[in-house]
Protein backbone atom coordinates (compact mmCIF):
# COMPACT_ATOMS: atom_id res chain seq x y z
CA MET A 1 7.66 7.55 1.58
CA LEU A 2 8.65 9.53 -1.50
CA VAL A 3 11.23 7.14 -2.93
CA LEU A 4 9.46 3.78 -2.83
CA PRO A 5 6.43 4.79 -4.95
CA ILE A 6 8.88 6.02 -7.60
CA VAL A 7 10.81 2.74 -7.35
CA SER A 8 7.53 0.81 -7.64
CA PHE A 9 6.64 2.80 -10.77
CA LEU A 10 10.05 2.24 -12.39
CA ILE A 11 10.22 -1.50 -11.62
CA THR A 12 6.70 -2.13 -12.90
CA LEU A 13 7.40 0.00 -15.97
CA ALA A 14 10.57 -1.95 -16.74
CA ILE A 15 8.99 -5.38 -16.25
CA GLY A 16 5.91 -4.28 -18.17
CA LYS A 17 7.94 -3.09 -21.16
CA LEU A 18 10.10 -6.23 -21.17
CA LEU A 19 7.48 -8.91 -20.53
CA TYR A 20 3.90 -7.82 -19.97
CA GLY A 21 3.51 -5.40 -22.88
CA PRO A 22 4.93 -7.66 -25.61
CA LEU A 23 3.00 -10.64 -24.22
CA VAL A 24 -0.36 -8.84 -24.37
CA ARG A 25 0.30 -7.20 -27.75
CA ASN A 26 1.72 -10.23 -29.54
CA GLY A 27 -0.51 -12.89 -28.08
CA PRO A 28 -3.93 -11.43 -27.28
CA SER A 29 -5.73 -14.73 -27.78
CA TRP A 30 -3.22 -16.51 -25.55
CA SER A 31 -3.47 -13.83 -22.86
CA ARG A 32 -7.27 -14.09 -22.90
CA ARG A 33 -7.10 -17.85 -22.47
CA ALA A 34 -4.50 -17.49 -19.73
CA ALA A 35 -6.70 -14.99 -17.88
CA THR A 36 -9.41 -17.61 -17.49
CA HIS A 37 -7.12 -20.48 -16.54
CA PRO A 38 -7.56 -21.77 -12.96
CA ALA A 39 -3.80 -21.66 -12.37
CA VAL A 40 -3.76 -17.93 -13.14
CA HIS A 41 -6.66 -17.37 -10.75
CA CYS A 42 -4.75 -19.21 -8.03
CA THR A 43 -1.73 -17.02 -8.77
CA VAL A 44 -3.81 -13.88 -8.33
CA ILE A 45 -5.15 -15.15 -4.99
CA ALA A 46 -1.63 -16.07 -3.86
CA SER A 47 -0.26 -12.65 -4.82
CA SER A 48 -3.15 -10.97 -2.98
CA CYS A 49 -2.35 -13.00 0.15
CA TYR A 50 1.29 -11.96 -0.29
CA VAL A 51 0.17 -8.32 -0.38
CA ALA A 52 -1.95 -8.84 2.75
CA PHE A 53 1.07 -10.34 4.54
CA ALA A 54 3.17 -7.35 3.50
CA ILE A 55 0.50 -4.95 4.77
CA GLY A 56 0.61 -6.72 8.12
CA SER A 57 4.37 -6.34 8.28
CA ASN A 58 4.23 -2.59 7.74
CA ASN A 59 0.89 -0.78 7.70
CA VAL A 60 -0.76 -2.82 10.47
CA ALA A 61 2.43 -2.68 12.53
CA ASN A 62 2.60 1.08 11.98
CA ALA A 63 -0.98 1.53 13.22
CA SER A 64 -0.28 -0.72 16.22
CA GLY A 65 2.70 1.40 17.31
CA PRO A 66 0.76 4.04 19.30
CA ILE A 67 -1.13 1.35 21.24
CA LEU A 68 2.14 -0.38 22.06
CA ALA A 69 3.75 2.91 23.13
CA MET A 70 0.80 3.71 25.40
CA SER A 71 0.92 0.23 26.94
CA LEU A 72 4.64 0.49 27.60
CA GLY A 73 4.10 3.78 29.41
CA GLN A 74 1.14 2.55 31.41
CA PHE A 75 2.49 -0.81 32.50
CA GLY A 76 6.23 -0.08 32.60
CA VAL A 77 7.04 -3.05 30.39
CA PRO A 78 10.75 -3.31 29.45
CA LEU A 79 11.69 -3.01 25.80
CA GLU A 80 12.80 -6.64 25.69
CA GLY A 81 11.27 -9.92 26.78
CA GLY A 82 8.10 -11.95 26.52
CA ASP A 83 5.84 -9.25 27.91
CA LEU A 84 6.75 -6.90 25.08
CA THR A 85 6.07 -9.63 22.54
CA LEU A 86 2.67 -10.29 24.13
CA LEU A 87 1.77 -6.60 23.99
CA MET A 88 2.80 -6.45 20.33
CA ILE A 89 0.54 -9.42 19.54
CA LEU A 90 -2.40 -7.93 21.44
CA ALA A 91 -2.01 -4.54 19.75
CA THR A 92 -1.91 -6.23 16.34
CA LEU A 93 -5.02 -8.28 17.13
CA VAL A 94 -6.85 -5.07 17.96
CA ILE A 95 -5.72 -3.19 14.83
CA ALA A 96 -5.66 -5.85 12.09
CA PRO A 97 -9.43 -6.55 11.98
CA CYS A 98 -10.06 -2.81 11.60
CA PHE A 99 -8.25 -2.94 8.25
CA ALA A 100 -10.66 -5.62 7.03
CA ILE A 101 -13.73 -3.81 8.40
CA GLY A 102 -12.66 -0.47 6.92
CA SER A 103 -11.95 -1.94 3.48
CA SER A 104 -15.28 -3.79 3.49
CA LEU A 105 -17.38 -0.79 4.55
CA MET A 106 -15.60 2.15 2.93
CA GLY A 107 -13.12 0.80 0.40
CA SER A 108 -15.38 0.35 -2.63
CA ARG A 109 -14.52 3.71 -4.22
CA VAL A 110 -10.79 3.10 -3.77
CA VAL A 111 -11.18 -0.32 -5.37
CA GLY A 112 -12.99 1.32 -8.27
CA THR A 113 -10.25 3.92 -8.72
CA THR A 114 -7.35 1.48 -8.67
CA GLY A 115 -9.18 -1.29 -10.49
CA ARG A 116 -10.90 0.60 -13.32
CA GLU A 117 -10.44 4.36 -13.51
CA ILE A 118 -6.67 4.52 -14.03
CA VAL A 119 -6.34 1.60 -16.45
CA GLN A 120 -8.01 -1.73 -17.09
CA PHE A 121 -5.80 -4.74 -16.36
CA GLY A 122 -6.29 -8.46 -16.08
CA PRO A 123 -5.06 -11.20 -13.74
CA LEU A 124 -1.50 -11.12 -15.14
CA GLY A 125 -1.22 -7.36 -14.62
CA GLY A 126 -2.76 -7.64 -11.16
CA THR A 127 -0.23 -10.30 -10.18
CA LEU A 128 2.67 -8.16 -11.41
CA ILE A 129 1.41 -5.13 -9.45
CA GLY A 130 0.87 -7.17 -6.29
CA VAL A 131 4.26 -8.89 -6.33
CA VAL A 132 6.19 -5.66 -6.97
CA THR A 133 4.45 -3.56 -4.31
CA ALA A 134 4.37 -6.28 -1.65
CA SER A 135 8.06 -7.04 -2.15
CA LEU A 136 8.97 -3.36 -1.74
CA LEU A 137 6.80 -3.13 1.38
CA LEU A 138 8.51 -6.16 2.92
CA PHE A 139 11.89 -4.70 2.02
CA ALA A 140 10.99 -1.49 3.86
CA SER A 141 9.82 -3.48 6.89
CA VAL A 142 12.71 -5.93 7.14
CA SER A 143 15.67 -3.80 6.10
CA ARG A 144 15.04 -0.51 7.91
CA GLY A 145 11.71 -0.83 9.68
CA ILE A 146 10.45 2.16 7.68
CA PRO A 147 6.67 2.75 7.70
CA THR A 148 5.53 3.35 4.14
CA SER A 149 2.30 3.44 2.16
CA LEU A 150 1.30 0.39 0.16
CA VAL A 151 -1.48 2.48 -1.40
CA GLN A 152 0.95 4.89 -3.03
CA MET A 153 3.24 2.12 -4.26
CA ASN A 154 0.30 0.11 -5.56
CA THR A 155 -1.18 3.09 -7.41
CA ALA A 156 2.23 4.01 -8.85
CA ALA A 157 2.58 0.45 -10.16
CA ILE A 158 -0.90 0.64 -11.73
CA MET A 159 0.05 3.94 -13.40
CA ALA A 160 3.21 2.31 -14.77
CA LEU A 161 1.19 -0.56 -16.19
CA GLY A 162 -1.13 2.00 -17.76
CA VAL A 163 1.83 3.73 -19.39
CA VAL A 164 2.90 0.38 -20.86
CA LYS A 165 -0.58 -0.30 -22.25
CA GLU A 166 -1.73 3.17 -23.34
CA GLY A 167 1.27 5.54 -23.24
CA TRP A 168 2.36 8.43 -21.04
CA ARG A 169 -0.03 11.14 -22.20
CA PRO A 170 -3.35 9.24 -21.86
CA ILE A 171 -2.49 8.04 -18.35
CA MET A 172 -0.93 11.20 -16.94
CA GLY A 173 -3.71 13.32 -18.42
CA ARG A 174 -6.44 11.26 -16.78
CA THR A 175 -8.52 13.14 -14.20
CA SER A 176 -8.23 10.40 -11.59
CA VAL A 177 -4.42 10.44 -11.83
CA ARG A 178 -4.27 14.23 -11.41
CA LYS A 179 -6.52 13.98 -8.35
CA LEU A 180 -4.31 11.27 -6.85
CA VAL A 181 -1.12 13.27 -7.31
CA THR A 182 -2.78 16.35 -5.79
CA VAL A 183 -3.94 14.41 -2.73
CA TRP A 184 -0.49 12.85 -2.31
CA VAL A 185 1.01 16.33 -2.12
CA VAL A 186 -1.66 18.03 -0.02
CA ALA A 187 -2.59 15.28 2.48
CA PRO A 188 0.85 14.93 4.17
CA LEU A 189 1.13 18.71 4.53
CA MET A 190 -2.36 18.89 6.06
CA SER A 191 -1.54 16.00 8.40
CA LEU A 192 1.67 17.73 9.50
CA GLY A 193 -0.08 21.04 10.08
CA ILE A 194 -3.05 19.59 12.00
CA SER A 195 -0.83 17.34 14.13
CA TYR A 196 1.49 20.22 14.97
CA GLY A 197 -1.41 22.51 15.85
CA VAL A 198 -3.17 19.97 18.08
CA THR A 199 0.07 18.99 19.81
CA ALA A 200 1.02 22.62 20.42
CA LEU A 201 -2.44 23.32 21.86
CA ALA A 202 -2.26 20.27 24.13
CA ASP A 203 1.16 21.33 25.35
CA ARG A 204 -0.05 24.87 26.03
CA LEU A 205 -2.98 23.51 28.06
CA GLY A 206 -0.64 21.32 30.08
CA PHE A 207 -1.84 17.96 28.81
CA LEU A 208 1.68 16.89 27.78
CA GLY A 209 3.40 17.80 30.99
CA ALA A 210 3.63 14.27 32.34
């Protein structure tokens, strides 16, 4: 959780300094023409689908875990076999549409923050961010099965691209970036404290005795 956003930042920073930054600075007219080319638009759509696939492999699977655990306890399904696979598919079918509904109804402010407030970037920058973060998310899913946040990795990559385009001080001094870092520190601690308190209360009341 803490390492991968840093890795996302460093990889995007390195690629940006080697390729993206010089390309945009030395060929602004070319980059503007490329941004409107249909092939570049198709690349952006493909990278977005790649990100969506990566989210399914990790974030959707992570959210489906509690439903699967409840089903295993209720129905006594063994941890291997076709029944387990069927339960995994059903849990995913319940959870996955909620991601789309939530992003459609309540995701506009997040889109604004990551798409405009940190730094402005075009199709080439968006493709770079998507490929880096999705690849790291798939790595976390396939190699260790570690649940991790695409949002943090994606935002870290956007910040790195901003550093390439505008420098460290303008990006790190931006109000939106300071708010993001504060939330990243506070939110996990609040989640830990609330979860511990509710679980301890439920245990004291005897709800966890079974």
